[in-house]
Amino acid sequence: MTRQECSEIFAMLSEYLDREIPPDLCDEIERHIEDCPPCVAFVESLRKSIALCKALKGEAPLPPLPEAVRTQLLDAWRKSTTGAQ
């Protein structure tokens, strides 16, 4: 898989998980995800995040993440999309 393909998939994941895109595009995303470990990890992470948000709905909002944590998450995402270790 190329970085470009993964970036395109990442851009559509929320809509994919909510089934807000056409079925043929869902099929295309599923085929990509089946063969792309970084995308599998990202989808699972996004699914967990969505579930946590739904579970917290109505509770007090969480404070913003510290800048150091945001930087680490962004670095991890970049590594997952480039295949860097």
PDB file of N, CA and C in Angstrom:
ATOM      1  N   MET A   1       0.831  -1.175   0.000  1.00  0.00           N
ATOM      2  CA  MET A   1       0.000   0.000   0.000  1.00  0.00           C
ATOM      3  C   MET A   1       0.881   1.246   0.000  1.00  0.00           C
ATOM      4  N   THR A   2       0.419   2.263  -0.668  1.00  0.00           N
ATOM      5  CA  THR A   2       1.190   3.497  -0.715  1.00  0.00           C
ATOM      6  C   THR A   2       0.684   4.470   0.345  1.00  0.00           C
ATOM      7  N   ARG A   3       1.529   5.403   0.683  1.00  0.00           N
ATOM      8  CA  ARG A   3       1.164   6.426   1.656  1.00  0.00           C
ATOM      9  C   ARG A   3      -0.053   7.210   1.169  1.00  0.00           C
ATOM     10  N   GLN A   4      -0.098   7.479  -0.126  1.00  0.00           N
ATOM     11  CA  GLN A   4      -1.232   8.213  -0.711  1.00  0.00           C
ATOM     12  C   GLN A   4      -2.528   7.439  -0.518  1.00  0.00           C
ATOM     13  N   GLU A   5      -2.504   6.134  -0.768  1.00  0.00           N
ATOM     14  CA  GLU A   5      -3.708   5.319  -0.586  1.00  0.00           C
ATOM     15  C   GLU A   5      -4.169   5.371   0.867  1.00  0.00           C
ATOM     16  N   CYS A   6      -3.236   5.233   1.795  1.00  0.00           N
ATOM     17  CA  CYS A   6      -3.581   5.258   3.218  1.00  0.00           C
ATOM     18  C   CYS A   6      -4.145   6.626   3.605  1.00  0.00           C
ATOM     19  N   SER A   7      -3.554   7.691   3.098  1.00  0.00           N
ATOM     20  CA  SER A   7      -4.052   9.035   3.405  1.00  0.00           C
ATOM     21  C   SER A   7      -5.481   9.212   2.911  1.00  0.00           C
ATOM     22  N   GLU A   8      -5.757   8.693   1.739  1.00  0.00           N
ATOM     23  CA  GLU A   8      -7.121   8.779   1.202  1.00  0.00           C
ATOM     24  C   GLU A   8      -8.096   7.970   2.054  1.00  0.00           C
ATOM     25  N   ILE A   9      -7.657   6.807   2.508  1.00  0.00           N
ATOM     26  CA  ILE A   9      -8.493   5.976   3.369  1.00  0.00           C
ATOM     27  C   ILE A   9      -8.733   6.688   4.696  1.00  0.00           C
ATOM     28  N   PHE A  10      -7.663   7.219   5.308  1.00  0.00           N
ATOM     29  CA  PHE A  10      -7.799   7.913   6.585  1.00  0.00           C
ATOM     30  C   PHE A  10      -8.796   9.061   6.486  1.00  0.00           C
ATOM     31  N   ALA A  11      -8.800   9.764   5.366  1.00  0.00           N
ATOM     32  CA  ALA A  11      -9.693  10.906   5.186  1.00  0.00           C
ATOM     33  C   ALA A  11     -11.165  10.494   5.163  1.00  0.00           C
ATOM     34  N   MET A  12     -11.435   9.226   4.840  1.00  0.00           N
ATOM     35  CA  MET A  12     -12.820   8.760   4.718  1.00  0.00           C
ATOM     36  C   MET A  12     -13.261   7.848   5.856  1.00  0.00           C
ATOM     37  N   LEU A  13     -12.408   7.600   6.833  1.00  0.00           N
ATOM     38  CA  LEU A  13     -12.724   6.590   7.839  1.00  0.00           C
ATOM     39  C   LEU A  13     -13.952   6.911   8.688  1.00  0.00           C
ATOM     40  N   SER A  14     -14.110   8.141   9.087  1.00  0.00           N
ATOM     41  CA  SER A  14     -15.287   8.471   9.903  1.00  0.00           C
ATOM     42  C   SER A  14     -16.567   8.196   9.129  1.00  0.00           C
ATOM     43  N   GLU A  15     -16.599   8.638   7.886  1.00  0.00           N
ATOM     44  CA  GLU A  15     -17.778   8.401   7.054  1.00  0.00           C
ATOM     45  C   GLU A  15     -17.970   6.904   6.793  1.00  0.00           C
ATOM     46  N   TYR A  16     -16.863   6.185   6.633  1.00  0.00           N
ATOM     47  CA  TYR A  16     -16.923   4.738   6.427  1.00  0.00           C
ATOM     48  C   TYR A  16     -17.536   4.051   7.645  1.00  0.00           C
ATOM     49  N   LEU A  17     -17.039   4.388   8.828  1.00  0.00           N
ATOM     50  CA  LEU A  17     -17.540   3.747  10.044  1.00  0.00           C
ATOM     51  C   LEU A  17     -19.004   4.081  10.303  1.00  0.00           C
ATOM     52  N   ASP A  18     -19.423   5.264   9.885  1.00  0.00           N
ATOM     53  CA  ASP A  18     -20.819   5.665  10.048  1.00  0.00           C
ATOM     54  C   ASP A  18     -21.687   5.227   8.868  1.00  0.00           C
ATOM     55  N   ARG A  19     -21.084   4.562   7.889  1.00  0.00           N
ATOM     56  CA  ARG A  19     -21.770   4.096   6.679  1.00  0.00           C
ATOM     57  C   ARG A  19     -22.462   5.254   5.956  1.00  0.00           C
ATOM     58  N   GLU A  20     -21.731   6.366   5.851  1.00  0.00           N
ATOM     59  CA  GLU A  20     -22.253   7.549   5.172  1.00  0.00           C
ATOM     60  C   GLU A  20     -21.708   7.695   3.756  1.00  0.00           C
ATOM     61  N   ILE A  21     -21.071   6.645   3.248  1.00  0.00           N
ATOM     62  CA  ILE A  21     -20.545   6.671   1.889  1.00  0.00           C
ATOM     63  C   ILE A  21     -21.167   5.512   1.110  1.00  0.00           C
ATOM     64  N   PRO A  22     -21.134   5.582  -0.206  1.00  0.00           N
ATOM     65  CA  PRO A  22     -21.757   4.532  -1.023  1.00  0.00           C
ATOM     66  C   PRO A  22     -21.155   3.144  -0.739  1.00  0.00           C
ATOM     67  N   PRO A  23     -21.967   2.114  -0.863  1.00  0.00           N
ATOM     68  CA  PRO A  23     -21.508   0.746  -0.587  1.00  0.00           C
ATOM     69  C   PRO A  23     -20.278   0.328  -1.394  1.00  0.00           C
ATOM     70  N   ASP A  24     -20.178   0.747  -2.659  1.00  0.00           N
ATOM     71  CA  ASP A  24     -19.022   0.349  -3.457  1.00  0.00           C
ATOM     72  C   ASP A  24     -17.739   0.973  -2.907  1.00  0.00           C
ATOM     73  N   LEU A  25     -17.825   2.180  -2.378  1.00  0.00           N
ATOM     74  CA  LEU A  25     -16.660   2.813  -1.768  1.00  0.00           C
ATOM     75  C   LEU A  25     -16.320   2.134  -0.444  1.00  0.00           C
ATOM     76  N   CYS A  26     -17.334   1.717   0.313  1.00  0.00           N
ATOM     77  CA  CYS A  26     -17.097   0.937   1.537  1.00  0.00           C
ATOM     78  C   CYS A  26     -16.348  -0.346   1.207  1.00  0.00           C
ATOM     79  N   ASP A  27     -16.760  -1.016   0.136  1.00  0.00           N
ATOM     80  CA  ASP A  27     -16.085  -2.252  -0.282  1.00  0.00           C
ATOM     81  C   ASP A  27     -14.628  -1.992  -0.622  1.00  0.00           C
ATOM     82  N   GLU A  28     -14.371  -0.887  -1.308  1.00  0.00           N
ATOM     83  CA  GLU A  28     -13.001  -0.536  -1.683  1.00  0.00           C
ATOM     84  C   GLU A  28     -12.146  -0.282  -0.441  1.00  0.00           C
ATOM     85  N   ILE A  29     -12.697   0.423   0.525  1.00  0.00           N
ATOM     86  CA  ILE A  29     -11.971   0.697   1.766  1.00  0.00           C
ATOM     87  C   ILE A  29     -11.696  -0.606   2.504  1.00  0.00           C
ATOM     88  N   GLU A  30     -12.683  -1.491   2.570  1.00  0.00           N
ATOM     89  CA  GLU A  30     -12.502  -2.774   3.253  1.00  0.00           C
ATOM     90  C   GLU A  30     -11.413  -3.613   2.601  1.00  0.00           C
ATOM     91  N   ARG A  31     -11.359  -3.604   1.273  1.00  0.00           N
ATOM     92  CA  ARG A  31     -10.301  -4.358   0.581  1.00  0.00           C
ATOM     93  C   ARG A  31      -8.923  -3.783   0.926  1.00  0.00           C
ATOM     94  N   HIS A  32      -8.826  -2.463   0.971  1.00  0.00           N
ATOM     95  CA  HIS A  32      -7.551  -1.834   1.319  1.00  0.00           C
ATOM     96  C   HIS A  32      -7.163  -2.200   2.748  1.00  0.00           C
ATOM     97  N   ILE A  33      -8.111  -2.077   3.670  1.00  0.00           N
ATOM     98  CA  ILE A  33      -7.821  -2.320   5.080  1.00  0.00           C
ATOM     99  C   ILE A  33      -7.381  -3.762   5.313  1.00  0.00           C
ATOM    100  N   GLU A  34      -7.959  -4.709   4.589  1.00  0.00           N
ATOM    101  CA  GLU A  34      -7.597  -6.120   4.765  1.00  0.00           C
ATOM    102  C   GLU A  34      -6.109  -6.367   4.554  1.00  0.00           C
ATOM    103  N   ASP A  35      -5.487  -5.602   3.670  1.00  0.00           N
ATOM    104  CA  ASP A  35      -4.095  -5.834   3.312  1.00  0.00           C
ATOM    105  C   ASP A  35      -3.138  -4.774   3.857  1.00  0.00           C
ATOM    106  N   CYS A  36      -3.593  -3.945   4.806  1.00  0.00           N
ATOM    107  CA  CYS A  36      -2.767  -2.833   5.257  1.00  0.00           C
ATOM    108  C   CYS A  36      -2.755  -2.760   6.790  1.00  0.00           C
ATOM    109  N   PRO A  37      -1.752  -3.354   7.436  1.00  0.00           N
ATOM    110  CA  PRO A  37      -1.705  -3.347   8.899  1.00  0.00           C
ATOM    111  C   PRO A  37      -1.793  -1.959   9.539  1.00  0.00           C
ATOM    112  N   PRO A  38      -1.124  -0.917   9.003  1.00  0.00           N
ATOM    113  CA  PRO A  38      -1.275   0.400   9.638  1.00  0.00           C
ATOM    114  C   PRO A  38      -2.722   0.898   9.602  1.00  0.00           C
ATOM    115  N   CYS A  39      -3.427   0.624   8.515  1.00  0.00           N
ATOM    116  CA  CYS A  39      -4.822   1.057   8.424  1.00  0.00           C
ATOM    117  C   CYS A  39      -5.707   0.237   9.359  1.00  0.00           C
ATOM    118  N   VAL A  40      -5.424  -1.047   9.511  1.00  0.00           N
ATOM    119  CA  VAL A  40      -6.173  -1.876  10.456  1.00  0.00           C
ATOM    120  C   VAL A  40      -6.028  -1.285  11.859  1.00  0.00           C
ATOM    121  N   ALA A  41      -4.795  -0.967  12.243  1.00  0.00           N
ATOM    122  CA  ALA A  41      -4.549  -0.404  13.573  1.00  0.00           C
ATOM    123  C   ALA A  41      -5.273   0.927  13.744  1.00  0.00           C
ATOM    124  N   PHE A  42      -5.234   1.754  12.712  1.00  0.00           N
ATOM    125  CA  PHE A  42      -5.881   3.061  12.801  1.00  0.00           C
ATOM    126  C   PHE A  42      -7.397   2.921  12.897  1.00  0.00           C
ATOM    127  N   VAL A  43      -7.983   2.014  12.121  1.00  0.00           N
ATOM    128  CA  VAL A  43      -9.433   1.793  12.169  1.00  0.00           C
ATOM    129  C   VAL A  43      -9.844   1.305  13.554  1.00  0.00           C
ATOM    130  N   GLU A  44      -9.107   0.368  14.104  1.00  0.00           N
ATOM    131  CA  GLU A  44      -9.436  -0.147  15.432  1.00  0.00           C
ATOM    132  C   GLU A  44      -9.329   0.949  16.486  1.00  0.00           C
ATOM    133  N   SER A  45      -8.313   1.778  16.365  1.00  0.00           N
ATOM    134  CA  SER A  45      -8.151   2.895  17.287  1.00  0.00           C
ATOM    135  C   SER A  45      -9.316   3.875  17.162  1.00  0.00           C
ATOM    136  N   LEU A  46      -9.713   4.162  15.944  1.00  0.00           N
ATOM    137  CA  LEU A  46     -10.831   5.070  15.721  1.00  0.00           C
ATOM    138  C   LEU A  46     -12.131   4.478  16.258  1.00  0.00           C
ATOM    139  N   ARG A  47     -12.340   3.187  16.048  1.00  0.00           N
ATOM    140  CA  ARG A  47     -13.548   2.532  16.578  1.00  0.00           C
ATOM    141  C   ARG A  47     -13.592   2.630  18.100  1.00  0.00           C
ATOM    142  N   LYS A  48     -12.453   2.398  18.737  1.00  0.00           N
ATOM    143  CA  LYS A  48     -12.390   2.503  20.200  1.00  0.00           C
ATOM    144  C   LYS A  48     -12.658   3.936  20.650  1.00  0.00           C
ATOM    145  N   SER A  49     -12.108   4.894  19.937  1.00  0.00           N
ATOM    146  CA  SER A  49     -12.328   6.304  20.283  1.00  0.00           C
ATOM    147  C   SER A  49     -13.803   6.670  20.176  1.00  0.00           C
ATOM    148  N   ILE A  50     -14.442   6.206  19.118  1.00  0.00           N
ATOM    149  CA  ILE A  50     -15.871   6.478  18.931  1.00  0.00           C
ATOM    150  C   ILE A  50     -16.680   5.854  20.067  1.00  0.00           C
ATOM    151  N   ALA A  51     -16.355   4.620  20.401  1.00  0.00           N
ATOM    152  CA  ALA A  51     -17.075   3.941  21.491  1.00  0.00           C
ATOM    153  C   ALA A  51     -16.888   4.679  22.812  1.00  0.00           C
ATOM    154  N   LEU A  52     -15.673   5.130  23.075  1.00  0.00           N
ATOM    155  CA  LEU A  52     -15.426   5.878  24.309  1.00  0.00           C
ATOM    156  C   LEU A  52     -16.193   7.192  24.325  1.00  0.00           C
ATOM    157  N   CYS A  53     -16.224   7.880  23.204  1.00  0.00           N
ATOM    158  CA  CYS A  53     -16.969   9.142  23.122  1.00  0.00           C
ATOM    159  C   CYS A  53     -18.452   8.909  23.362  1.00  0.00           C
ATOM    160  N   LYS A  54     -18.975   7.851  22.785  1.00  0.00           N
ATOM    161  CA  LYS A  54     -20.395   7.548  22.989  1.00  0.00           C
ATOM    162  C   LYS A  54     -20.663   7.195  24.445  1.00  0.00           C
ATOM    163  N   ALA A  55     -19.735   6.483  25.069  1.00  0.00           N
ATOM    164  CA  ALA A  55     -19.896   6.105  26.475  1.00  0.00           C
ATOM    165  C   ALA A  55     -19.837   7.330  27.380  1.00  0.00           C
ATOM    166  N   LEU A  56     -19.073   8.332  27.001  1.00  0.00           N
ATOM    167  CA  LEU A  56     -18.917   9.535  27.818  1.00  0.00           C
ATOM    168  C   LEU A  56     -19.958  10.607  27.510  1.00  0.00           C
ATOM    169  N   LYS A  57     -20.782  10.359  26.520  1.00  0.00           N
ATOM    170  CA  LYS A  57     -21.774  11.359  26.110  1.00  0.00           C
ATOM    171  C   LYS A  57     -22.604  11.774  27.326  1.00  0.00           C
ATOM    172  N   GLY A  58     -22.709  13.064  27.502  1.00  0.00           N
ATOM    173  CA  GLY A  58     -23.472  13.575  28.621  1.00  0.00           C
ATOM    174  C   GLY A  58     -22.647  13.817  29.872  1.00  0.00           C
ATOM    175  N   GLU A  59     -21.439  13.278  29.918  1.00  0.00           N
ATOM    176  CA  GLU A  59     -20.564  13.523  31.060  1.00  0.00           C
ATOM    177  C   GLU A  59     -19.754  14.781  30.802  1.00  0.00           C
ATOM    178  N   ALA A  60     -19.100  15.241  31.832  1.00  0.00           N
ATOM    179  CA  ALA A  60     -18.276  16.445  31.703  1.00  0.00           C
ATOM    180  C   ALA A  60     -17.207  16.218  30.643  1.00  0.00           C
ATOM    181  N   PRO A  61     -16.928  17.223  29.807  1.00  0.00           N
ATOM    182  CA  PRO A  61     -15.901  17.056  28.768  1.00  0.00           C
ATOM    183  C   PRO A  61     -14.526  16.845  29.376  1.00  0.00           C
ATOM    184  N   LEU A  62     -13.730  16.093  28.673  1.00  0.00           N
ATOM    185  CA  LEU A  62     -12.357  15.844  29.112  1.00  0.00           C
ATOM    186  C   LEU A  62     -11.506  17.081  28.832  1.00  0.00           C
ATOM    187  N   PRO A  63     -10.493  17.300  29.647  1.00  0.00           N
ATOM    188  CA  PRO A  63      -9.601  18.432  29.372  1.00  0.00           C
ATOM    189  C   PRO A  63      -8.784  18.148  28.115  1.00  0.00           C
ATOM    190  N   PRO A  64      -8.282  19.191  27.460  1.00  0.00           N
ATOM    191  CA  PRO A  64      -7.461  18.989  26.265  1.00  0.00           C
ATOM    192  C   PRO A  64      -6.199  18.185  26.600  1.00  0.00           C
ATOM    193  N   LEU A  65      -5.720  17.461  25.605  1.00  0.00           N
ATOM    194  CA  LEU A  65      -4.483  16.709  25.793  1.00  0.00           C
ATOM    195  C   LEU A  65      -3.298  17.664  25.919  1.00  0.00           C
ATOM    196  N   PRO A  66      -2.351  17.322  26.775  1.00  0.00           N
ATOM    197  CA  PRO A  66      -1.136  18.141  26.839  1.00  0.00           C
ATOM    198  C   PRO A  66      -0.418  18.124  25.482  1.00  0.00           C
ATOM    199  N   GLU A  67       0.284  19.179  25.188  1.00  0.00           N
ATOM    200  CA  GLU A  67       0.969  19.316  23.900  1.00  0.00           C
ATOM    201  C   GLU A  67       1.929  18.156  23.646  1.00  0.00           C
ATOM    202  N   ALA A  68       2.633  17.688  24.674  1.00  0.00           N
ATOM    203  CA  ALA A  68       3.581  16.577  24.501  1.00  0.00           C
ATOM    204  C   ALA A  68       2.856  15.310  24.041  1.00  0.00           C
ATOM    205  N   VAL A  69       1.680  15.053  24.578  1.00  0.00           N
ATOM    206  CA  VAL A  69       0.902  13.868  24.202  1.00  0.00           C
ATOM    207  C   VAL A  69       0.393  14.024  22.773  1.00  0.00           C
ATOM    208  N   ARG A  70      -0.083  15.225  22.432  1.00  0.00           N
ATOM    209  CA  ARG A  70      -0.544  15.471  21.066  1.00  0.00           C
ATOM    210  C   ARG A  70       0.589  15.233  20.068  1.00  0.00           C
ATOM    211  N   THR A  71       1.787  15.681  20.413  1.00  0.00           N
ATOM    212  CA  THR A  71       2.951  15.496  19.538  1.00  0.00           C
ATOM    213  C   THR A  71       3.272  14.015  19.373  1.00  0.00           C
ATOM    214  N   GLN A  72       3.230  13.258  20.465  1.00  0.00           N
ATOM    215  CA  GLN A  72       3.507  11.814  20.389  1.00  0.00           C
ATOM    216  C   GLN A  72       2.470  11.102  19.522  1.00  0.00           C
ATOM    217  N   LEU A  73       1.202  11.448  19.679  1.00  0.00           N
ATOM    218  CA  LEU A  73       0.157  10.829  18.859  1.00  0.00           C
ATOM    219  C   LEU A  73       0.334  11.162  17.383  1.00  0.00           C
ATOM    220  N   LEU A  74       0.660  12.408  17.098  1.00  0.00           N
ATOM    221  CA  LEU A  74       0.882  12.812  15.708  1.00  0.00           C
ATOM    222  C   LEU A  74       2.084  12.084  15.119  1.00  0.00           C
ATOM    223  N   ASP A  75       3.163  11.950  15.885  1.00  0.00           N
ATOM    224  CA  ASP A  75       4.340  11.212  15.421  1.00  0.00           C
ATOM    225  C   ASP A  75       4.000   9.746  15.147  1.00  0.00           C
ATOM    226  N   ALA A  76       3.222   9.130  16.041  1.00  0.00           N
ATOM    227  CA  ALA A  76       2.826   7.729  15.852  1.00  0.00           C
ATOM    228  C   ALA A  76       1.983   7.567  14.602  1.00  0.00           C
ATOM    229  N   TRP A  77       1.071   8.512  14.365  1.00  0.00           N
ATOM    230  CA  TRP A  77       0.242   8.458  13.158  1.00  0.00           C
ATOM    231  C   TRP A  77       1.105   8.582  11.913  1.00  0.00           C
ATOM    232  N   ARG A  78       2.044   9.534  11.931  1.00  0.00           N
ATOM    233  CA  ARG A  78       2.914   9.709  10.767  1.00  0.00           C
ATOM    234  C   ARG A  78       3.726   8.456  10.494  1.00  0.00           C
ATOM    235  N   LYS A  79       4.255   7.828  11.548  1.00  0.00           N
ATOM    236  CA  LYS A  79       5.033   6.593  11.363  1.00  0.00           C
ATOM    237  C   LYS A  79       4.157   5.478  10.799  1.00  0.00           C
ATOM    238  N   SER A  80       2.899   5.422  11.243  1.00  0.00           N
ATOM    239  CA  SER A  80       2.020   4.352  10.762  1.00  0.00           C
ATOM    240  C   SER A  80       1.681   4.528   9.287  1.00  0.00           C
ATOM    241  N   THR A  81       1.676   5.779   8.819  1.00  0.00           N
ATOM    242  CA  THR A  81       1.329   5.997   7.421  1.00  0.00           C
ATOM    243  C   THR A  81       2.530   5.906   6.499  1.00  0.00           C
ATOM    244  N   THR A  82       3.729   6.000   7.060  1.00  0.00           N
ATOM    245  CA  THR A  82       4.940   5.930   6.220  1.00  0.00           C
ATOM    246  C   THR A  82       5.626   4.588   6.333  1.00  0.00           C
ATOM    247  N   GLY A  83       5.228   3.798   7.313  1.00  0.00           N
ATOM    248  CA  GLY A  83       5.881   2.499   7.524  1.00  0.00           C
ATOM    249  C   GLY A  83       7.189   2.607   8.279  1.00  0.00           C
ATOM    250  N   ALA A  84       7.525   3.813   8.749  1.00  0.00           N
ATOM    251  CA  ALA A  84       8.768   4.004   9.520  1.00  0.00           C
ATOM    252  C   ALA A  84       8.621   3.351  10.879  1.00  0.00           C
ATOM    253  N   GLN A  85       9.717   2.875  11.398  1.00  0.00           N
ATOM    254  CA  GLN A  85       9.717   2.250  12.732  1.00  0.00           C
ATOM    255  C   GLN A  85      10.408   3.105  13.740  1.00  0.00           C
TER     256      GLN A  85
END
